[in-house]
Amino acid sequence: MISPESFWAGDEMDRKPSSDFLTKYLLANPKIKVLNVNSPWGSGKTFFLTKWAEELSGTHVCIYFNAWETDFSSEPLVALITCIEQQTEEGLVIESLGAKVISSSTNLIKKAAPLIAKGLVKKYIGVDVDALLGDGAGEDLAKGTEELVQSLIEEQSKSLRHVEEFKIAVRGRLETAALNLQKKSPAFIFIDELDRCRPTYAIELLERIKHFFEIEDCRFVIASDSVQLAHSIRAVYGDRFSSEHYLSRFFDAEFRLDNSNMFSIARTFTVSFSTFKMGVIVGGFAHGGYGVGGTYEPVYPRFDTVHCKEAGYTEYSLVLVGLARFFKIQLRELIRYHQQIISMSSALPVHDFHYFWAAFLIFSKASGEELYSSLFQMDRCGSVVAEFAQKTESVSFSFAEGVVPLKDIAAFYARLAGSDKEAIHKIRLDASGWQETVARDFYSSCEYIFQYRKLVELAHRLS
């Protein structure tokens, strides 16, 4: 038997407690039919849903439906039905590979026929109605159901009987699968990648779930970026449309993934090259020496100081966390940017790689051309970095001599990068503390560091 821990291998953001909590919440609240897992793109929603579904499938029937993979279809109901039938097939009693399979597996299609246009069955699942339901079935359906198509989709309130028959068929399918697999009720249907779909497809899928799948013993978990989804809805109905209110009609509850702690994922990143150390104090606390009158003055981290007292963290892992906060990025972007930084180092001769400067360039390049291009203009770099910092979260690092804002470190590096070797030498002579440490190594390695810009342009093309 697979242990719960093995399902969650690689769970660096500690998502398992959230899945345990939500499972208990949904089981204890039968009125919550549709739960929205709301989080921005790239924040780990797919990892969360797939791992949750894998573990939960040990005790409940679980269906995983990737909406984006099927948004080529004009009718999401067909795609969802097909997914349910395929993933519950092993839960049915199959006596032979003949008519029994066809009869069992097409019951939902039969009940859904009045809800969809006849031609969509053949067009989007590649099976002719007659071949699927038997000779003459297509004509029989056409006679009795074609006139109901528009009324059941656009005016479904006039045809509640057909909708109810479809709900009973879905419920029966899930109950049969649970019975034969000896699993508990309710069944869980996980919908992923909704915010990547075409706006009309996403809206129609939500409407189908709301109107046709609100049944007992079934729970929907829908992952989406609700902000992006709201934009999609406005793209269809207009900028003045209240899309947030419209979305609230489909979701009974909402849960937000917590991505505030980037430390755990940053610690997993390792480098195989030598990195230059600016002197950031990982733990945050420093013995600052003695001040005026010989009074001991310890250096404490501020509220915005990136530090960690746990073992296993390095200066470059703190740099990544700080930049993630400064540039307000999500997990997927953090992973991609780190890979781009690694690619830069691998393209250079061996030297103490200035991880902070390479990382700041990578993050800046992705954030917009104005900030990135200003880093190479001596007369603008300081003001543009300061202006950017005013629009984002305050971030600082702890050094032996005090706490230094991230923007000041970036501005100092930009000043060095915009100078020739003679000017760098003068800056080094006038500097002290962490600035002197940075300028001294920058001076000796500047022929390599001056290549960073070209490498950023190449690394930026990696996805």
Protein backbone atom coordinates (compact mmCIF):
# COMPACT_ATOMS: atom_id res chain seq x y z
CA MET A 1 0.00 0.00 0.00
CA ILE A 2 1.34 3.42 -0.94
CA SER A 3 1.91 5.69 2.04
CA PRO A 4 0.39 9.21 2.08
CA GLU A 5 3.90 10.66 2.30
CA SER A 6 4.92 9.04 -1.00
CA PHE A 7 2.00 10.70 -2.80
CA TRP A 8 3.33 14.06 -1.67
CA ALA A 9 6.96 13.57 -2.62
CA GLY A 10 8.43 16.92 -3.61
CA ASP A 11 5.88 18.86 -1.57
CA GLU A 12 8.28 21.69 -0.79
CA MET A 13 5.47 24.15 -0.06
CA ASP A 14 3.85 21.82 2.50
CA ARG A 15 0.54 21.50 0.66
CA LYS A 16 -0.56 18.20 2.22
CA PRO A 17 -2.05 19.80 5.39
CA SER A 18 -4.20 21.98 3.12
CA SER A 19 -5.54 18.95 1.24
CA ASP A 20 -6.29 17.13 4.51
CA PHE A 21 -8.13 20.18 5.84
CA LEU A 22 -10.16 20.66 2.65
CA THR A 23 -11.11 16.98 2.43
CA LYS A 24 -12.52 17.08 5.96
CA TYR A 25 -14.22 20.40 5.22
CA LEU A 26 -15.98 19.10 2.10
CA LEU A 27 -17.03 15.87 3.78
CA ALA A 28 -18.45 17.75 6.76
CA ASN A 29 -20.33 20.31 4.63
CA PRO A 30 -22.49 18.55 2.02
CA LYS A 31 -23.93 21.89 0.87
CA ILE A 32 -20.51 22.87 -0.50
CA LYS A 33 -20.74 21.30 -3.96
CA VAL A 34 -18.12 23.41 -5.76
CA LEU A 35 -14.86 24.57 -4.15
CA ASN A 36 -12.63 27.07 -5.95
CA VAL A 37 -8.90 26.75 -5.29
CA ASN A 38 -7.90 30.28 -6.18
CA SER A 39 -4.26 31.17 -6.78
CA PRO A 40 -2.27 33.02 -9.46
CA TRP A 41 -0.80 31.30 -12.47
CA GLY A 42 2.40 29.41 -11.66
CA SER A 43 1.70 29.09 -7.94
CA GLY A 44 1.47 25.30 -7.86
CA LYS A 45 -2.25 24.63 -8.37
CA THR A 46 -1.69 21.66 -10.69
CA PHE A 47 0.76 20.01 -8.28
CA PHE A 48 -1.73 20.52 -5.45
CA LEU A 49 -4.73 19.11 -7.34
CA THR A 50 -2.96 16.09 -8.81
CA LYS A 51 -1.36 15.07 -5.52
CA TRP A 52 -4.59 15.62 -3.61
CA ALA A 53 -6.54 13.56 -6.15
CA GLU A 54 -3.94 10.76 -6.13
CA GLU A 55 -4.06 10.39 -2.36
CA LEU A 56 -7.84 10.80 -2.07
CA SER A 57 -8.46 8.19 -4.78
CA GLY A 58 -7.49 5.54 -2.25
CA THR A 59 -10.83 6.04 -0.49
CA HIS A 60 -13.05 7.97 -2.94
CA VAL A 61 -13.78 7.94 -6.66
CA CYS A 62 -11.73 10.81 -8.07
CA ILE A 63 -11.90 12.29 -11.57
CA TYR A 64 -9.16 14.61 -12.83
CA PHE A 65 -10.16 16.81 -15.77
CA ASN A 66 -7.64 19.12 -17.44
CA ALA A 67 -9.90 21.73 -19.01
CA TRP A 68 -7.14 23.33 -21.08
CA GLU A 69 -6.38 20.07 -22.90
CA THR A 70 -9.96 19.95 -24.21
CA ASP A 71 -10.75 23.58 -24.95
CA PHE A 72 -10.50 22.89 -28.69
CA SER A 73 -14.02 21.49 -28.30
CA SER A 74 -17.06 23.67 -28.81
CA GLU A 75 -19.01 21.77 -26.14
CA PRO A 76 -17.29 21.23 -22.77
CA LEU A 77 -20.10 18.94 -21.62
CA VAL A 78 -19.00 16.27 -24.10
CA ALA A 79 -15.37 16.52 -22.98
CA LEU A 80 -16.28 16.27 -19.30
CA ILE A 81 -18.63 13.32 -19.84
CA THR A 82 -15.96 11.50 -21.82
CA CYS A 83 -13.44 12.06 -19.01
CA ILE A 84 -15.87 10.73 -16.38
CA GLU A 85 -16.63 7.64 -18.44
CA GLN A 86 -12.98 6.87 -19.14
CA GLN A 87 -11.82 7.33 -15.56
CA THR A 88 -14.68 5.34 -13.98
CA GLU A 89 -14.60 2.49 -16.48
CA GLU A 90 -12.55 0.24 -14.22
CA GLY A 91 -15.16 0.71 -11.51
CA LEU A 92 -17.91 -0.93 -13.58
CA VAL A 93 -18.78 -4.63 -13.65
CA ILE A 94 -17.63 -5.69 -17.12
CA GLU A 95 -18.61 -9.23 -18.06
CA SER A 96 -17.20 -9.09 -21.56
CA LEU A 97 -15.52 -6.76 -24.00
CA GLY A 98 -18.62 -6.57 -26.13
CA ALA A 99 -22.03 -5.00 -25.79
CA LYS A 100 -21.84 -4.82 -22.00
CA VAL A 101 -19.01 -2.30 -22.19
CA ILE A 102 -20.76 -0.22 -24.82
CA SER A 103 -24.05 -0.25 -22.93
CA SER A 104 -22.51 0.78 -19.62
CA SER A 105 -20.14 3.35 -20.97
CA THR A 106 -22.65 5.18 -23.15
CA ASN A 107 -25.44 5.72 -20.64
CA LEU A 108 -24.23 9.23 -19.86
CA ILE A 109 -24.04 10.05 -23.54
CA LYS A 110 -27.63 8.88 -23.95
CA LYS A 111 -28.84 11.06 -21.10
CA ALA A 112 -26.74 14.00 -22.29
CA ALA A 113 -28.01 13.78 -25.87
CA PRO A 114 -30.92 16.15 -25.28
CA LEU A 115 -28.50 18.62 -23.73
CA ILE A 116 -26.12 18.87 -26.67
CA ALA A 117 -26.40 19.21 -30.41
CA LYS A 118 -26.39 15.87 -32.19
CA GLY A 119 -23.44 16.68 -34.44
CA LEU A 120 -21.11 17.52 -31.54
CA VAL A 121 -20.88 13.90 -30.40
CA LYS A 122 -19.28 12.81 -33.65
CA LYS A 123 -17.26 15.97 -34.20
CA TYR A 124 -15.54 16.23 -30.86
CA ILE A 125 -15.13 12.69 -29.57
CA GLY A 126 -14.69 11.10 -32.94
CA VAL A 127 -17.55 8.60 -32.61
CA ASP A 128 -20.67 8.54 -34.73
CA VAL A 129 -23.99 8.51 -32.82
CA ASP A 130 -25.19 5.39 -34.65
CA ALA A 131 -21.92 3.54 -34.00
CA LEU A 132 -22.01 4.53 -30.37
CA LEU A 133 -25.64 3.79 -29.53
CA GLY A 134 -26.65 1.31 -32.23
CA ASP A 135 -28.07 1.41 -35.76
CA GLY A 136 -30.81 3.97 -36.15
CA ALA A 137 -30.10 5.58 -32.80
CA GLY A 138 -28.99 8.77 -34.45
CA GLU A 139 -32.28 9.14 -36.28
CA ASP A 140 -34.28 8.29 -33.16
CA LEU A 141 -32.38 10.88 -31.18
CA ALA A 142 -32.78 13.43 -33.90
CA LYS A 143 -36.55 13.01 -33.97
CA GLY A 144 -37.06 13.24 -30.24
CA THR A 145 -34.31 15.51 -29.04
CA GLU A 146 -33.09 17.87 -31.74
CA GLU A 147 -35.92 20.29 -31.12
CA LEU A 148 -34.97 20.35 -27.42
CA VAL A 149 -31.32 21.26 -27.89
CA GLN A 150 -31.67 25.02 -27.77
CA SER A 151 -34.33 24.99 -25.09
CA LEU A 152 -32.29 22.76 -22.79
CA ILE A 153 -29.06 24.67 -23.18
CA GLU A 154 -30.33 28.22 -23.54
CA GLU A 155 -33.63 27.83 -21.74
CA GLN A 156 -33.01 24.76 -19.62
CA SER A 157 -35.60 25.85 -17.07
CA LYS A 158 -38.29 24.64 -19.50
CA SER A 159 -36.87 21.12 -19.63
CA LEU A 160 -36.05 20.19 -16.04
CA ARG A 161 -37.01 16.58 -16.62
CA HIS A 162 -34.15 15.99 -19.06
CA VAL A 163 -31.68 17.72 -16.79
CA GLU A 164 -32.81 15.61 -13.85
CA GLU A 165 -32.47 12.41 -15.89
CA PHE A 166 -28.91 13.39 -16.76
CA LYS A 167 -28.07 14.09 -13.11
CA ILE A 168 -29.45 10.68 -12.11
CA ALA A 169 -27.29 9.01 -14.78
CA VAL A 170 -24.14 10.77 -13.58
CA ARG A 171 -24.87 9.91 -9.97
CA GLY A 172 -25.53 6.29 -10.90
CA ARG A 173 -22.28 6.08 -12.80
CA LEU A 174 -20.27 7.38 -9.85
CA GLU A 175 -22.13 5.22 -7.33
CA THR A 176 -21.55 2.07 -9.41
CA ALA A 177 -17.84 2.83 -9.69
CA ALA A 178 -17.61 3.41 -5.93
CA LEU A 179 -19.50 0.20 -5.16
CA ASN A 180 -17.31 -1.99 -7.34
CA LEU A 181 -14.09 -0.39 -6.11
CA GLN A 182 -15.30 -0.47 -2.50
CA LYS A 183 -14.84 3.27 -2.09
CA LYS A 184 -16.71 5.80 -0.03
CA SER A 185 -19.11 8.51 -1.09
CA PRO A 186 -18.91 11.29 -2.27
CA ALA A 187 -17.00 11.29 -5.54
CA PHE A 188 -14.60 14.15 -6.24
CA ILE A 189 -14.17 15.78 -9.66
CA PHE A 190 -11.06 17.96 -9.95
CA ILE A 191 -11.05 20.61 -12.71
CA ASP A 192 -7.63 22.05 -13.52
CA GLU A 193 -6.19 24.74 -15.84
CA LEU A 194 -9.52 26.55 -16.24
CA ASP A 195 -7.88 29.98 -16.40
CA ARG A 196 -5.79 28.92 -19.42
CA CYS A 197 -8.88 28.12 -21.52
CA ARG A 198 -10.62 30.29 -24.06
CA PRO A 199 -12.95 32.69 -22.19
CA THR A 200 -16.10 31.26 -23.77
CA TYR A 201 -15.04 27.68 -23.05
CA ALA A 202 -14.25 28.44 -19.40
CA ILE A 203 -17.59 30.19 -18.91
CA GLU A 204 -19.54 27.41 -20.62
CA LEU A 205 -17.82 24.72 -18.56
CA LEU A 206 -18.72 26.51 -15.34
CA GLU A 207 -22.30 26.88 -16.52
CA ARG A 208 -22.54 23.18 -17.41
CA ILE A 209 -21.23 22.18 -13.99
CA LYS A 210 -23.65 24.53 -12.26
CA HIS A 211 -26.73 23.47 -14.20
CA PHE A 212 -26.12 19.79 -14.91
CA PHE A 213 -23.78 18.46 -12.20
CA GLU A 214 -25.16 19.83 -8.95
CA ILE A 215 -25.93 16.40 -7.51
CA GLU A 216 -25.70 14.59 -4.20
CA ASP A 217 -22.56 12.62 -3.38
CA CYS A 218 -20.39 14.62 -5.78
CA ARG A 219 -17.95 17.44 -5.05
CA PHE A 220 -16.18 19.65 -7.59
CA VAL A 221 -12.78 21.18 -6.89
CA ILE A 222 -11.94 23.82 -9.51
CA ALA A 223 -8.48 25.39 -9.65
CA SER A 224 -8.23 28.81 -11.24
CA ASP A 225 -6.75 32.25 -11.04
CA SER A 226 -9.97 34.10 -10.26
CA VAL A 227 -8.47 37.46 -11.23
CA GLN A 228 -7.54 36.13 -14.67
CA LEU A 229 -10.87 34.35 -14.94
CA ALA A 230 -12.69 37.61 -14.19
CA HIS A 231 -10.74 39.31 -16.99
CA SER A 232 -11.78 36.50 -19.33
CA ILE A 233 -15.43 36.97 -18.47
CA ARG A 234 -15.21 40.72 -19.05
CA ALA A 235 -13.64 40.01 -22.44
CA VAL A 236 -16.87 38.27 -23.38
CA TYR A 237 -19.48 40.43 -21.66
CA GLY A 238 -17.74 43.81 -21.64
CA ASP A 239 -15.60 45.89 -19.26
CA ARG A 240 -18.60 47.11 -17.27
CA PHE A 241 -19.78 43.58 -16.52
CA SER A 242 -19.49 42.59 -12.83
CA SER A 243 -17.46 39.44 -13.46
CA GLU A 244 -16.48 38.91 -9.82
CA HIS A 245 -20.14 38.78 -8.80
CA TYR A 246 -20.88 36.52 -11.76
CA LEU A 247 -18.16 34.07 -10.65
CA SER A 248 -19.56 33.90 -7.13
CA ARG A 249 -22.64 32.16 -8.59
CA PHE A 250 -20.57 29.12 -9.51
CA PHE A 251 -18.47 28.64 -6.38
CA ASP A 252 -19.86 27.71 -2.97
CA ALA A 253 -16.53 28.33 -1.24
CA GLU A 254 -13.05 29.56 -2.06
CA PHE A 255 -9.63 28.53 -0.77
CA ARG A 256 -6.40 30.41 -1.46
CA LEU A 257 -3.07 28.64 -1.63
CA ASP A 258 -0.45 30.17 0.63
CA ASN A 259 2.67 31.09 -1.35
CA SER A 260 4.12 33.55 1.14
CA ASN A 261 6.89 31.17 2.26
CA MET A 262 9.40 30.85 -0.57
CA PHE A 263 12.15 29.63 1.75
CA SER A 264 11.41 25.92 1.48
CA ILE A 265 11.55 25.88 -2.33
CA ALA A 266 14.63 28.15 -2.42
CA ARG A 267 16.51 25.76 -0.14
CA THR A 268 16.08 22.97 -2.68
CA PHE A 269 17.97 24.95 -5.32
CA THR A 270 21.64 24.02 -5.42
CA VAL A 271 24.51 25.32 -7.53
CA SER A 272 27.56 23.41 -8.70
CA PHE A 273 29.73 26.50 -9.11
CA SER A 274 31.46 28.92 -6.79
CA THR A 275 29.37 31.96 -5.90
CA PHE A 276 30.69 35.28 -4.70
CA LYS A 277 29.53 36.08 -1.17
CA MET A 278 28.56 39.68 -0.46
CA GLY A 279 28.49 39.02 3.27
CA VAL A 280 24.76 38.60 3.84
CA ILE A 281 24.09 37.21 7.31
CA VAL A 282 21.69 34.33 6.80
CA GLY A 283 20.43 34.31 10.39
CA GLY A 284 19.78 38.05 10.36
CA PHE A 285 21.52 38.91 13.64
CA ALA A 286 25.03 40.38 13.58
CA HIS A 287 27.53 41.60 16.14
CA GLY A 288 27.86 45.12 14.91
CA GLY A 289 30.88 46.07 16.98
CA TYR A 290 31.07 49.11 19.22
CA GLY A 291 29.55 52.48 18.64
CA VAL A 292 30.23 55.91 20.08
CA GLY A 293 31.50 55.69 23.66
CA GLY A 294 32.34 52.00 23.34
CA THR A 295 28.71 50.85 23.61
CA TYR A 296 28.04 47.48 22.04
CA GLU A 297 25.54 47.80 19.19
CA PRO A 298 24.10 44.51 17.92
CA VAL A 299 22.48 44.55 14.48
CA TYR A 300 18.94 43.16 14.50
CA PRO A 301 16.94 42.29 11.37
CA ARG A 302 14.09 44.61 10.44
CA PHE A 303 10.55 43.57 9.57
CA ASP A 304 11.51 43.48 5.89
CA THR A 305 14.86 41.73 6.33
CA VAL A 306 15.16 38.39 4.54
CA HIS A 307 16.72 35.95 6.99
CA CYS A 308 16.29 32.39 8.21
CA LYS A 309 17.54 30.72 11.37
CA GLU A 310 17.07 27.18 10.06
CA ALA A 311 20.06 25.22 8.84
CA GLY A 312 20.61 24.54 5.15
CA TYR A 313 20.18 28.05 3.77
CA THR A 314 22.81 29.95 1.86
CA GLU A 315 23.30 33.54 0.81
CA TYR A 316 22.08 32.83 -2.71
CA SER A 317 18.91 31.10 -1.45
CA LEU A 318 18.11 34.23 0.59
CA VAL A 319 18.80 36.35 -2.49
CA LEU A 320 16.22 34.32 -4.42
CA VAL A 321 13.61 34.75 -1.69
CA GLY A 322 14.29 38.49 -1.51
CA LEU A 323 14.03 38.94 -5.27
CA ALA A 324 10.83 36.86 -5.38
CA ARG A 325 9.28 39.29 -2.90
CA PHE A 326 10.72 42.37 -4.57
CA PHE A 327 9.45 41.38 -8.02
CA LYS A 328 6.26 39.70 -6.73
CA ILE A 329 6.66 36.46 -8.65
CA GLN A 330 5.14 32.99 -8.24
CA LEU A 331 6.72 29.56 -7.79
CA ARG A 332 6.87 28.61 -11.47
CA GLU A 333 8.64 31.85 -12.33
CA LEU A 334 11.09 31.42 -9.46
CA ILE A 335 12.05 27.96 -10.70
CA ARG A 336 12.44 29.19 -14.28
CA TYR A 337 14.55 32.21 -13.31
CA HIS A 338 16.86 30.08 -11.19
CA GLN A 339 17.40 27.77 -14.17
CA GLN A 340 18.24 30.78 -16.32
CA ILE A 341 20.77 31.96 -13.75
CA ILE A 342 22.38 28.51 -13.78
CA SER A 343 22.58 28.65 -17.57
CA MET A 344 24.43 31.96 -17.36
CA SER A 345 27.06 30.58 -15.02
CA SER A 346 27.62 27.48 -17.15
CA ALA A 347 28.43 29.70 -20.16
CA LEU A 348 31.25 31.53 -18.32
CA PRO A 349 34.82 30.57 -17.38
CA VAL A 350 35.29 29.52 -13.78
CA HIS A 351 35.14 32.48 -11.40
CA ASP A 352 33.25 33.55 -8.28
CA PHE A 353 29.86 34.03 -9.89
CA HIS A 354 28.08 37.19 -8.69
CA TYR A 355 24.75 35.50 -8.08
CA PHE A 356 22.93 38.61 -6.84
CA TRP A 357 23.74 40.70 -9.91
CA ALA A 358 23.00 37.88 -12.37
CA ALA A 359 19.72 37.15 -10.60
CA PHE A 360 18.70 40.81 -10.44
CA LEU A 361 19.33 41.13 -14.18
CA ILE A 362 17.26 38.01 -14.93
CA PHE A 363 14.35 39.16 -12.77
CA SER A 364 14.53 42.69 -14.19
CA LYS A 365 14.56 41.46 -17.77
CA ALA A 366 11.36 39.52 -17.13
CA SER A 367 9.66 42.40 -15.31
CA GLY A 368 9.90 44.90 -18.13
CA GLU A 369 12.32 46.60 -20.48
CA GLU A 370 12.33 49.98 -18.72
CA LEU A 371 13.91 48.73 -15.49
CA TYR A 372 16.28 46.35 -17.25
CA SER A 373 17.62 48.85 -19.78
CA SER A 374 18.09 51.54 -17.12
CA LEU A 375 20.53 49.29 -15.23
CA PHE A 376 23.10 50.04 -17.91
CA GLN A 377 22.59 53.80 -17.91
CA MET A 378 24.62 55.56 -15.22
CA ASP A 379 22.41 58.63 -15.18
CA ARG A 380 19.17 56.68 -14.74
CA CYS A 381 19.85 53.39 -12.97
CA GLY A 382 19.63 54.71 -9.40
CA SER A 383 16.43 56.68 -9.85
CA VAL A 384 14.65 53.96 -11.85
CA VAL A 385 15.51 51.26 -9.30
CA ALA A 386 14.30 53.55 -6.49
CA GLU A 387 11.10 54.30 -8.39
CA PHE A 388 10.48 50.59 -8.97
CA ALA A 389 11.08 49.89 -5.26
CA GLN A 390 8.33 52.32 -4.29
CA LYS A 391 5.79 50.20 -6.15
CA THR A 392 6.72 46.90 -4.56
CA GLU A 393 7.42 45.23 -1.23
CA SER A 394 10.25 46.57 0.92
CA VAL A 395 13.10 44.03 1.09
CA SER A 396 16.43 44.21 2.90
CA PHE A 397 19.38 42.01 3.89
CA SER A 398 21.47 41.96 7.04
CA PHE A 399 25.21 42.69 6.93
CA ALA A 400 27.76 43.02 9.71
CA GLU A 401 27.55 46.80 9.57
CA GLY A 402 23.77 47.06 9.33
CA VAL A 403 20.61 46.31 7.38
CA VAL A 404 20.76 47.26 3.68
CA PRO A 405 17.73 47.60 1.33
CA LEU A 406 17.81 45.35 -1.73
CA LYS A 407 17.35 48.38 -3.98
CA ASP A 408 20.58 49.90 -2.65
CA ILE A 409 22.54 46.74 -3.42
CA ALA A 410 21.10 46.68 -6.94
CA ALA A 411 21.89 50.37 -7.50
CA PHE A 412 25.49 49.86 -6.34
CA TYR A 413 25.97 46.90 -8.68
CA ALA A 414 24.48 48.94 -11.53
CA ARG A 415 26.95 51.72 -10.79
CA LEU A 416 29.85 49.25 -11.01
CA ALA A 417 28.49 47.64 -14.18
CA GLY A 418 28.25 51.05 -15.85
CA SER A 419 31.87 51.97 -15.06
CA ASP A 420 35.16 51.09 -16.68
CA LYS A 421 37.91 49.31 -14.75
CA GLU A 422 39.63 52.53 -13.68
CA ALA A 423 36.38 53.95 -12.31
CA ILE A 424 35.66 50.69 -10.50
CA HIS A 425 39.05 50.95 -8.84
CA LYS A 426 38.19 54.43 -7.53
CA ILE A 427 34.83 53.24 -6.27
CA ARG A 428 36.55 50.40 -4.44
CA LEU A 429 38.98 52.77 -2.70
CA ASP A 430 36.13 54.95 -1.44
CA ALA A 431 33.90 52.06 -0.36
CA SER A 432 33.65 50.25 2.96
CA GLY A 433 31.82 47.26 4.41
CA TRP A 434 29.82 45.16 1.99
CA GLN A 435 30.34 47.71 -0.78
CA GLU A 436 34.11 47.40 -0.54
CA THR A 437 33.78 43.58 -0.61
CA VAL A 438 31.64 43.71 -3.74
CA ALA A 439 33.73 46.36 -5.53
CA ARG A 440 37.01 44.56 -4.83
CA ASP A 441 35.87 41.29 -6.41
CA PHE A 442 33.99 43.11 -9.18
CA TYR A 443 37.26 44.85 -10.10
CA SER A 444 39.15 41.56 -10.39
CA SER A 445 36.36 39.77 -12.28
CA CYS A 446 34.89 42.59 -14.35
CA GLU A 447 35.87 41.06 -17.71
CA TYR A 448 33.51 38.17 -16.89
CA ILE A 449 30.80 40.24 -15.21
CA PHE A 450 30.60 42.57 -18.22
CA GLN A 451 29.42 39.50 -20.19
CA TYR A 452 26.39 39.01 -17.94
CA ARG A 453 24.19 41.30 -20.01
CA LYS A 454 24.71 39.33 -23.21
CA LEU A 455 24.09 36.07 -21.36
CA VAL A 456 20.89 37.42 -19.80
CA GLU A 457 19.55 38.09 -23.29
CA LEU A 458 20.21 34.45 -24.23
CA ALA A 459 19.00 32.94 -20.93
CA HIS A 460 15.79 34.93 -21.14
CA ARG A 461 14.78 32.86 -24.15
CA LEU A 462 14.82 29.67 -22.08
CA SER A 463 11.43 28.54 -20.78
